[in-house]
PDB file of all heavy atoms in Angstrom:
ATOM      1  N   LYS A   1      43.118 114.256 103.312  1.00  0.00           N
ATOM      2  CA  LYS A   1      41.990 115.097 103.157  1.00  0.00           C
ATOM      3  C   LYS A   1      41.017 114.828 104.286  1.00  0.00           C
ATOM      4  O   LYS A   1      41.032 113.726 104.981  1.00  0.00           O
ATOM      5  CB  LYS A   1      41.270 114.700 101.838  1.00  0.00           C
ATOM      6  CG  LYS A   1      42.068 115.066 100.572  1.00  0.00           C
ATOM      7  CD  LYS A   1      41.291 114.749  99.307  1.00  0.00           C
ATOM      8  CE  LYS A   1      42.108 115.159  98.069  1.00  0.00           C
ATOM      9  NZ  LYS A   1      41.307 114.904  96.833  1.00  0.00           N
ATOM     10  N   ILE A   2      40.175 115.713 104.564  1.00  0.00           N
ATOM     11  CA  ILE A   2      39.124 115.607 105.475  1.00  0.00           C
ATOM     12  C   ILE A   2      37.832 115.124 104.763  1.00  0.00           C
ATOM     13  O   ILE A   2      37.303 115.809 103.832  1.00  0.00           O
ATOM     14  CB  ILE A   2      38.817 116.857 106.308  1.00  0.00           C
ATOM     15  CG1 ILE A   2      40.045 117.397 106.980  1.00  0.00           C
ATOM     16  CG2 ILE A   2      37.639 116.640 107.262  1.00  0.00           C
ATOM     17  CD1 ILE A   2      40.545 116.403 107.974  1.00  0.00           C
ATOM     18  N   ILE A   3      37.255 113.907 105.184  1.00  0.00           N
ATOM     19  CA  ILE A   3      36.079 113.401 104.598  1.00  0.00           C
ATOM     20  C   ILE A   3      35.060 113.156 105.751  1.00  0.00           C
ATOM     21  O   ILE A   3      35.258 112.425 106.582  1.00  0.00           O
ATOM     22  CB  ILE A   3      36.314 112.092 103.838  1.00  0.00           C
ATOM     23  CG1 ILE A   3      37.333 112.289 102.658  1.00  0.00           C
ATOM     24  CG2 ILE A   3      35.081 111.467 103.267  1.00  0.00           C
ATOM     25  CD1 ILE A   3      37.732 110.974 101.976  1.00  0.00           C
ATOM     26  N   ASN A   4      33.905 113.853 105.654  1.00  0.00           N
ATOM     27  CA  ASN A   4      32.782 113.746 106.668  1.00  0.00           C
ATOM     28  C   ASN A   4      33.394 113.990 108.047  1.00  0.00           C
ATOM     29  O   ASN A   4      33.081 113.343 109.005  1.00  0.00           O
ATOM     30  CB  ASN A   4      32.219 112.424 106.581  1.00  0.00           C
ATOM     31  CG  ASN A   4      31.472 112.192 105.343  1.00  0.00           C
ATOM     32  OD1 ASN A   4      30.966 113.194 104.740  1.00  0.00           O
ATOM     33  ND2 ASN A   4      31.394 110.960 104.895  1.00  0.00           N
ATOM     34  N   GLY A   5      34.317 115.027 108.150  1.00  0.00           N
ATOM     35  CA  GLY A   5      34.876 115.411 109.449  1.00  0.00           C
ATOM     36  C   GLY A   5      36.049 114.565 109.883  1.00  0.00           C
ATOM     37  O   GLY A   5      36.455 114.724 111.078  1.00  0.00           O
ATOM     38  N   VAL A   6      36.485 113.532 109.130  1.00  0.00           N
ATOM     39  CA  VAL A   6      37.441 112.614 109.567  1.00  0.00           C
ATOM     40  C   VAL A   6      38.662 112.742 108.631  1.00  0.00           C
ATOM     41  O   VAL A   6      38.494 112.884 107.326  1.00  0.00           O
ATOM     42  CB  VAL A   6      36.943 111.116 109.480  1.00  0.00           C
ATOM     43  CG1 VAL A   6      38.083 110.151 109.861  1.00  0.00           C
ATOM     44  CG2 VAL A   6      35.758 110.977 110.374  1.00  0.00           C
ATOM     45  N   CYS A   7      39.848 112.742 109.096  1.00  0.00           N
ATOM     46  CA  CYS A   7      41.119 112.819 108.342  1.00  0.00           C
ATOM     47  C   CYS A   7      41.304 111.510 107.674  1.00  0.00           C
ATOM     48  O   CYS A   7      41.487 110.462 108.311  1.00  0.00           O
ATOM     49  CB  CYS A   7      42.280 113.120 109.198  1.00  0.00           C
ATOM     50  SG  CYS A   7      43.866 113.433 108.168  1.00  0.00           S
ATOM     51  N   ALA A   8      41.199 111.457 106.377  1.00  0.00           N
ATOM     52  CA  ALA A   8      41.261 110.195 105.495  1.00  0.00           C
ATOM     53  C   ALA A   8      42.658 110.097 104.860  1.00  0.00           C
ATOM     54  O   ALA A   8      43.070 111.032 104.089  1.00  0.00           O
ATOM     55  CB  ALA A   8      40.128 110.181 104.495  1.00  0.00           C
ATOM     56  N   CYS A   9      43.213 108.948 104.947  1.00  0.00           N
ATOM     57  CA  CYS A   9      44.502 108.667 104.422  1.00  0.00           C
ATOM     58  C   CYS A   9      44.459 108.779 102.885  1.00  0.00           C
ATOM     59  O   CYS A   9      43.635 108.255 102.231  1.00  0.00           O
ATOM     60  CB  CYS A   9      45.068 107.314 104.814  1.00  0.00           C
ATOM     61  SG  CYS A   9      46.657 106.901 104.320  1.00  0.00           S
ATOM     62  N   GLN A  10      45.531 109.511 102.298  1.00  0.00           N
ATOM     63  CA  GLN A  10      45.632 109.543 100.925  1.00  0.00           C
ATOM     64  C   GLN A  10      47.036 108.892 100.550  1.00  0.00           C
ATOM     65  O   GLN A  10      47.973 109.085 101.286  1.00  0.00           O
ATOM     66  CB  GLN A  10      45.661 111.067 100.430  1.00  0.00           C
ATOM     67  CG  GLN A  10      44.494 111.832 100.855  1.00  0.00           C
ATOM     68  CD  GLN A  10      43.218 111.363 100.162  1.00  0.00           C
ATOM     69  OE1 GLN A  10      43.007 111.524  98.947  1.00  0.00           O
ATOM     70  NE2 GLN A  10      42.244 110.836 100.914  1.00  0.00           N
ATOM     71  N   ALA A  11      47.077 108.177  99.467  1.00  0.00           N
ATOM     72  CA  ALA A  11      48.235 107.503  98.960  1.00  0.00           C
ATOM     73  C   ALA A  11      48.500 107.840  97.506  1.00  0.00           C
ATOM     74  O   ALA A  11      47.630 108.379  96.842  1.00  0.00           O
ATOM     75  CB  ALA A  11      48.181 106.116  99.245  1.00  0.00           C
ATOM     76  N   THR A  12      49.697 107.497  97.018  1.00  0.00           N
ATOM     77  CA  THR A  12      50.017 107.785  95.752  1.00  0.00           C
ATOM     78  C   THR A  12      50.478 106.531  94.918  1.00  0.00           C
ATOM     79  O   THR A  12      51.186 105.724  95.482  1.00  0.00           O
ATOM     80  CB  THR A  12      51.218 108.836  95.738  1.00  0.00           C
ATOM     81  OG1 THR A  12      50.763 110.068  96.359  1.00  0.00           O
ATOM     82  CG2 THR A  12      51.757 109.108  94.323  1.00  0.00           C
ATOM     83  N   ALA A  13      50.122 106.519  93.622  1.00  0.00           N
ATOM     84  CA  ALA A  13      50.583 105.440  92.767  1.00  0.00           C
ATOM     85  C   ALA A  13      51.301 106.071  91.590  1.00  0.00           C
ATOM     86  O   ALA A  13      51.001 107.278  91.221  1.00  0.00           O
ATOM     87  CB  ALA A  13      49.433 104.656  92.291  1.00  0.00           C
ATOM     88  N   PHE A  14      52.286 105.335  91.045  1.00  0.00           N
ATOM     89  CA  PHE A  14      53.038 105.827  89.890  1.00  0.00           C
ATOM     90  C   PHE A  14      52.623 104.879  88.716  1.00  0.00           C
ATOM     91  O   PHE A  14      52.785 103.643  88.715  1.00  0.00           O
ATOM     92  CB  PHE A  14      54.548 105.605  90.157  1.00  0.00           C
ATOM     93  CG  PHE A  14      55.358 106.036  88.916  1.00  0.00           C
ATOM     94  CD1 PHE A  14      55.502 107.339  88.544  1.00  0.00           C
ATOM     95  CD2 PHE A  14      56.096 105.090  88.251  1.00  0.00           C
ATOM     96  CE1 PHE A  14      56.294 107.703  87.413  1.00  0.00           C
ATOM     97  CE2 PHE A  14      56.852 105.370  87.192  1.00  0.00           C
ATOM     98  CZ  PHE A  14      56.930 106.699  86.796  1.00  0.00           C
ATOM     99  N   GLU A  15      52.090 105.494  87.682  1.00  0.00           N
ATOM    100  CA  GLU A  15      51.729 104.728  86.425  1.00  0.00           C
ATOM    101  C   GLU A  15      52.990 104.647  85.479  1.00  0.00           C
ATOM    102  O   GLU A  15      53.385 105.711  85.040  1.00  0.00           O
ATOM    103  CB  GLU A  15      50.537 105.464  85.788  1.00  0.00           C
ATOM    104  CG  GLU A  15      49.810 104.559  84.847  1.00  0.00           C
ATOM    105  CD  GLU A  15      50.397 104.400  83.461  1.00  0.00           C
ATOM    106  OE1 GLU A  15      51.330 103.684  83.260  1.00  0.00           O
ATOM    107  OE2 GLU A  15      49.807 105.127  82.557  1.00  0.00           O
ATOM    108  N   PRO A  16      53.609 103.489  85.291  1.00  0.00           N
ATOM    109  CA  PRO A  16      54.923 103.506  84.768  1.00  0.00           C
ATOM    110  C   PRO A  16      54.967 103.690  83.230  1.00  0.00           C
ATOM    111  O   PRO A  16      56.029 103.962  82.664  1.00  0.00           O
ATOM    112  CB  PRO A  16      55.367 102.042  84.964  1.00  0.00           C
ATOM    113  CG  PRO A  16      54.041 101.207  85.197  1.00  0.00           C
ATOM    114  CD  PRO A  16      53.114 102.216  85.788  1.00  0.00           C
ATOM    115  N   PHE A  17      53.849 103.653  82.441  1.00  0.00           N
ATOM    116  CA  PHE A  17      53.861 103.871  81.066  1.00  0.00           C
ATOM    117  C   PHE A  17      53.680 105.333  80.709  1.00  0.00           C
ATOM    118  O   PHE A  17      54.405 105.953  79.794  1.00  0.00           O
ATOM    119  CB  PHE A  17      52.808 102.974  80.363  1.00  0.00           C
ATOM    120  CG  PHE A  17      53.094 101.483  80.679  1.00  0.00           C
ATOM    121  CD1 PHE A  17      52.407 100.820  81.637  1.00  0.00           C
ATOM    122  CD2 PHE A  17      54.137 100.844  80.031  1.00  0.00           C
ATOM    123  CE1 PHE A  17      52.680  99.484  81.845  1.00  0.00           C
ATOM    124  CE2 PHE A  17      54.429  99.550  80.265  1.00  0.00           C
ATOM    125  CZ  PHE A  17      53.614  98.816  81.287  1.00  0.00           C
ATOM    126  N   GLN A  18      52.654 106.017  81.317  1.00  0.00           N
ATOM    127  CA  GLN A  18      52.600 107.443  81.065  1.00  0.00           C
ATOM    128  C   GLN A  18      53.524 108.179  82.010  1.00  0.00           C
ATOM    129  O   GLN A  18      53.775 109.396  81.783  1.00  0.00           O
ATOM    130  CB  GLN A  18      51.141 107.898  81.522  1.00  0.00           C
ATOM    131  CG  GLN A  18      50.032 107.312  80.576  1.00  0.00           C
ATOM    132  CD  GLN A  18      48.629 107.865  80.952  1.00  0.00           C
ATOM    133  OE1 GLN A  18      48.287 108.872  80.461  1.00  0.00           O
ATOM    134  NE2 GLN A  18      47.983 107.183  81.843  1.00  0.00           N
ATOM    135  N   ARG A  19      54.011 107.442  82.936  1.00  0.00           N
ATOM    136  CA  ARG A  19      54.997 108.048  83.945  1.00  0.00           C
ATOM    137  C   ARG A  19      54.465 109.186  84.680  1.00  0.00           C
ATOM    138  O   ARG A  19      54.958 110.300  84.691  1.00  0.00           O
ATOM    139  CB  ARG A  19      56.346 108.399  83.264  1.00  0.00           C
ATOM    140  CG  ARG A  19      57.069 107.250  82.574  1.00  0.00           C
ATOM    141  CD  ARG A  19      58.507 107.598  82.254  1.00  0.00           C
ATOM    142  NE  ARG A  19      59.320 107.831  83.503  1.00  0.00           N
ATOM    143  CZ  ARG A  19      59.857 106.895  84.242  1.00  0.00           C
ATOM    144  NH1 ARG A  19      59.558 105.640  83.990  1.00  0.00           N
ATOM    145  NH2 ARG A  19      60.565 107.295  85.265  1.00  0.00           N
ATOM    146  N   ILE A  20      53.264 108.986  85.257  1.00  0.00           N
ATOM    147  CA  ILE A  20      52.524 110.025  86.025  1.00  0.00           C
ATOM    148  C   ILE A  20      52.239 109.516  87.445  1.00  0.00           C
ATOM    149  O   ILE A  20      52.061 108.354  87.640  1.00  0.00           O
ATOM    150  CB  ILE A  20      51.261 110.468  85.338  1.00  0.00           C
ATOM    151  CG1 ILE A  20      50.225 109.330  85.167  1.00  0.00           C
ATOM    152  CG2 ILE A  20      51.487 111.150  84.007  1.00  0.00           C
ATOM    153  CD1 ILE A  20      48.943 109.789  84.679  1.00  0.00           C
ATOM    154  N   CYS A  21      52.140 110.417  88.306  1.00  0.00           N
ATOM    155  CA  CYS A  21      51.747 110.158  89.698  1.00  0.00           C
ATOM    156  C   CYS A  21      50.306 110.625  89.869  1.00  0.00           C
ATOM    157  O   CYS A  21      49.846 111.559  89.370  1.00  0.00           O
ATOM    158  CB  CYS A  21      52.712 110.923  90.705  1.00  0.00           C
ATOM    159  SG  CYS A  21      54.418 110.424  90.623  1.00  0.00           S
ATOM    160  N   ASN A  22      49.617 109.802  90.678  1.00  0.00           N
ATOM    161  CA  ASN A  22      48.232 110.176  90.996  1.00  0.00           C
ATOM    162  C   ASN A  22      47.867 109.693  92.486  1.00  0.00           C
ATOM    163  O   ASN A  22      48.250 108.676  92.829  1.00  0.00           O
ATOM    164  CB  ASN A  22      47.208 109.513  90.020  1.00  0.00           C
ATOM    165  CG  ASN A  22      45.914 110.239  89.883  1.00  0.00           C
ATOM    166  OD1 ASN A  22      45.438 110.841  90.919  1.00  0.00           O
ATOM    167  ND2 ASN A  22      45.346 110.296  88.774  1.00  0.00           N
ATOM    168  N   SER A  23      47.217 110.695  93.156  1.00  0.00           N
ATOM    169  CA  SER A  23      46.944 110.330  94.520  1.00  0.00           C
ATOM    170  C   SER A  23      45.407 110.315  94.770  1.00  0.00           C
ATOM    171  O   SER A  23      44.658 111.073  94.154  1.00  0.00           O
ATOM    172  CB  SER A  23      47.547 111.447  95.455  1.00  0.00           C
ATOM    173  OG  SER A  23      48.964 111.482  95.314  1.00  0.00           O
ATOM    174  N   ASP A  24      45.025 109.516  95.757  1.00  0.00           N
ATOM    175  CA  ASP A  24      43.540 109.551  96.133  1.00  0.00           C
ATOM    176  C   ASP A  24      43.469 108.764  97.392  1.00  0.00           C
ATOM    177  O   ASP A  24      44.449 108.531  98.083  1.00  0.00           O
ATOM    178  CB  ASP A  24      42.645 109.030  95.059  1.00  0.00           C
ATOM    179  CG  ASP A  24      41.337 109.667  94.974  1.00  0.00           C
ATOM    180  OD1 ASP A  24      40.528 109.479  95.838  1.00  0.00           O
ATOM    181  OD2 ASP A  24      41.208 110.411  93.997  1.00  0.00           O
ATOM    182  N   GLN A  25      42.246 108.395  97.662  1.00  0.00           N
ATOM    183  CA  GLN A  25      41.939 107.761  98.986  1.00  0.00           C
ATOM    184  C   GLN A  25      42.428 106.316  99.122  1.00  0.00           C
ATOM    185  O   GLN A  25      42.138 105.481  98.255  1.00  0.00           O
ATOM    186  CB  GLN A  25      40.356 107.763  99.249  1.00  0.00           C
ATOM    187  CG  GLN A  25      39.952 107.211 100.646  1.00  0.00           C
ATOM    188  CD  GLN A  25      38.502 107.275 100.858  1.00  0.00           C
ATOM    189  OE1 GLN A  25      37.735 107.694  99.953  1.00  0.00           O
ATOM    190  NE2 GLN A  25      38.101 106.689 101.937  1.00  0.00           N
ATOM    191  N   PHE A  26      43.125 106.069 100.201  1.00  0.00           N
ATOM    192  CA  PHE A  26      43.440 104.696 100.582  1.00  0.00           C
ATOM    193  C   PHE A  26      42.338 104.098 101.440  1.00  0.00           C
ATOM    194  O   PHE A  26      41.810 104.698 102.341  1.00  0.00           O
ATOM    195  CB  PHE A  26      44.810 104.636 101.341  1.00  0.00           C
ATOM    196  CG  PHE A  26      45.513 103.387 101.258  1.00  0.00           C
ATOM    197  CD1 PHE A  26      46.188 103.048 100.060  1.00  0.00           C
ATOM    198  CD2 PHE A  26      45.670 102.496 102.334  1.00  0.00           C
ATOM    199  CE1 PHE A  26      46.739 101.766  99.949  1.00  0.00           C
ATOM    200  CE2 PHE A  26      46.267 101.395 102.228  1.00  0.00           C
ATOM    201  CZ  PHE A  26      46.887 101.003 100.984  1.00  0.00           C
ATOM    202  N   THR A  27      41.877 102.939 101.006  1.00  0.00           N
ATOM    203  CA  THR A  27      40.665 102.399 101.602  1.00  0.00           C
ATOM    204  C   THR A  27      40.764 100.873 101.681  1.00  0.00           C
ATOM    205  O   THR A  27      41.909 100.298 101.526  1.00  0.00           O
ATOM    206  CB  THR A  27      39.371 102.805 100.770  1.00  0.00           C
ATOM    207  OG1 THR A  27      38.211 102.335 101.495  1.00  0.00           O
ATOM    208  CG2 THR A  27      39.461 102.286  99.322  1.00  0.00           C
ATOM    209  N   TYR A  28      39.664 100.159 101.858  1.00  0.00           N
ATOM    210  CA  TYR A  28      39.733  98.709 101.914  1.00  0.00           C
ATOM    211  C   TYR A  28      38.370  98.083 101.517  1.00  0.00           C
ATOM    212  O   TYR A  28      37.373  98.765 101.548  1.00  0.00           O
ATOM    213  CB  TYR A  28      40.081  98.185 103.323  1.00  0.00           C
ATOM    214  CG  TYR A  28      39.227  98.713 104.401  1.00  0.00           C
ATOM    215  CD1 TYR A  28      38.180  98.082 104.834  1.00  0.00           C
ATOM    216  CD2 TYR A  28      39.520  99.910 105.075  1.00  0.00           C
ATOM    217  CE1 TYR A  28      37.292  98.548 105.886  1.00  0.00           C
ATOM    218  CE2 TYR A  28      38.825 100.388 106.167  1.00  0.00           C
ATOM    219  CZ  TYR A  28      37.723  99.774 106.545  1.00  0.00           C
ATOM    220  OH  TYR A  28      36.918 100.204 107.524  1.00  0.00           O
ATOM    221  N   GLY A  29      38.391  96.808 101.134  1.00  0.00           N
ATOM    222  CA  GLY A  29      37.197  96.137 100.741  1.00  0.00           C
ATOM    223  C   GLY A  29      37.536  94.644 100.642  1.00  0.00           C
ATOM    224  O   GLY A  29      38.569  94.172 100.905  1.00  0.00           O
ATOM    225  N   ASP A  30      36.542  93.869 100.089  1.00  0.00           N
ATOM    226  CA  ASP A  30      36.752  92.474  99.928  1.00  0.00           C
ATOM    227  C   ASP A  30      37.174  92.090  98.523  1.00  0.00           C
ATOM    228  O   ASP A  30      36.777  92.781  97.553  1.00  0.00           O
ATOM    229  CB  ASP A  30      35.393  91.740 100.196  1.00  0.00           C
ATOM    230  CG  ASP A  30      34.920  91.969 101.629  1.00  0.00           C
ATOM    231  OD1 ASP A  30      35.658  92.356 102.492  1.00  0.00           O
ATOM    232  OD2 ASP A  30      33.694  91.786 101.866  1.00  0.00           O
ATOM    233  N   LEU A  31      38.010  91.084  98.378  1.00  0.00           N
ATOM    234  CA  LEU A  31      38.390  90.557  97.147  1.00  0.00           C
ATOM    235  C   LEU A  31      38.356  89.023  97.139  1.00  0.00           C
ATOM    236  O   LEU A  31      38.470  88.421  98.107  1.00  0.00           O
ATOM    237  CB  LEU A  31      39.977  90.894  96.865  1.00  0.00           C
ATOM    238  CG  LEU A  31      40.344  92.280  96.563  1.00  0.00           C
ATOM    239  CD1 LEU A  31      41.857  92.466  96.411  1.00  0.00           C
ATOM    240  CD2 LEU A  31      39.522  92.781  95.321  1.00  0.00           C
ATOM    241  N   SER A  32      38.036  88.422  95.891  1.00  0.00           N
ATOM    242  CA  SER A  32      37.975  87.085  95.764  1.00  0.00           C
ATOM    243  C   SER A  32      39.016  86.624  94.737  1.00  0.00           C
ATOM    244  O   SER A  32      39.324  87.339  93.786  1.00  0.00           O
ATOM    245  CB  SER A  32      36.576  86.597  95.360  1.00  0.00           C
ATOM    246  OG  SER A  32      36.253  87.159  94.075  1.00  0.00           O
TER     247      SER A  32
END
């Protein structure tokens, strides 16, 4: 997808219990 004029990476996850796929923005942040 294009976000603020920049092509932003989209990725997909598979939810194993409902067995559905969902895609959205791949991003980054801090974790502790």
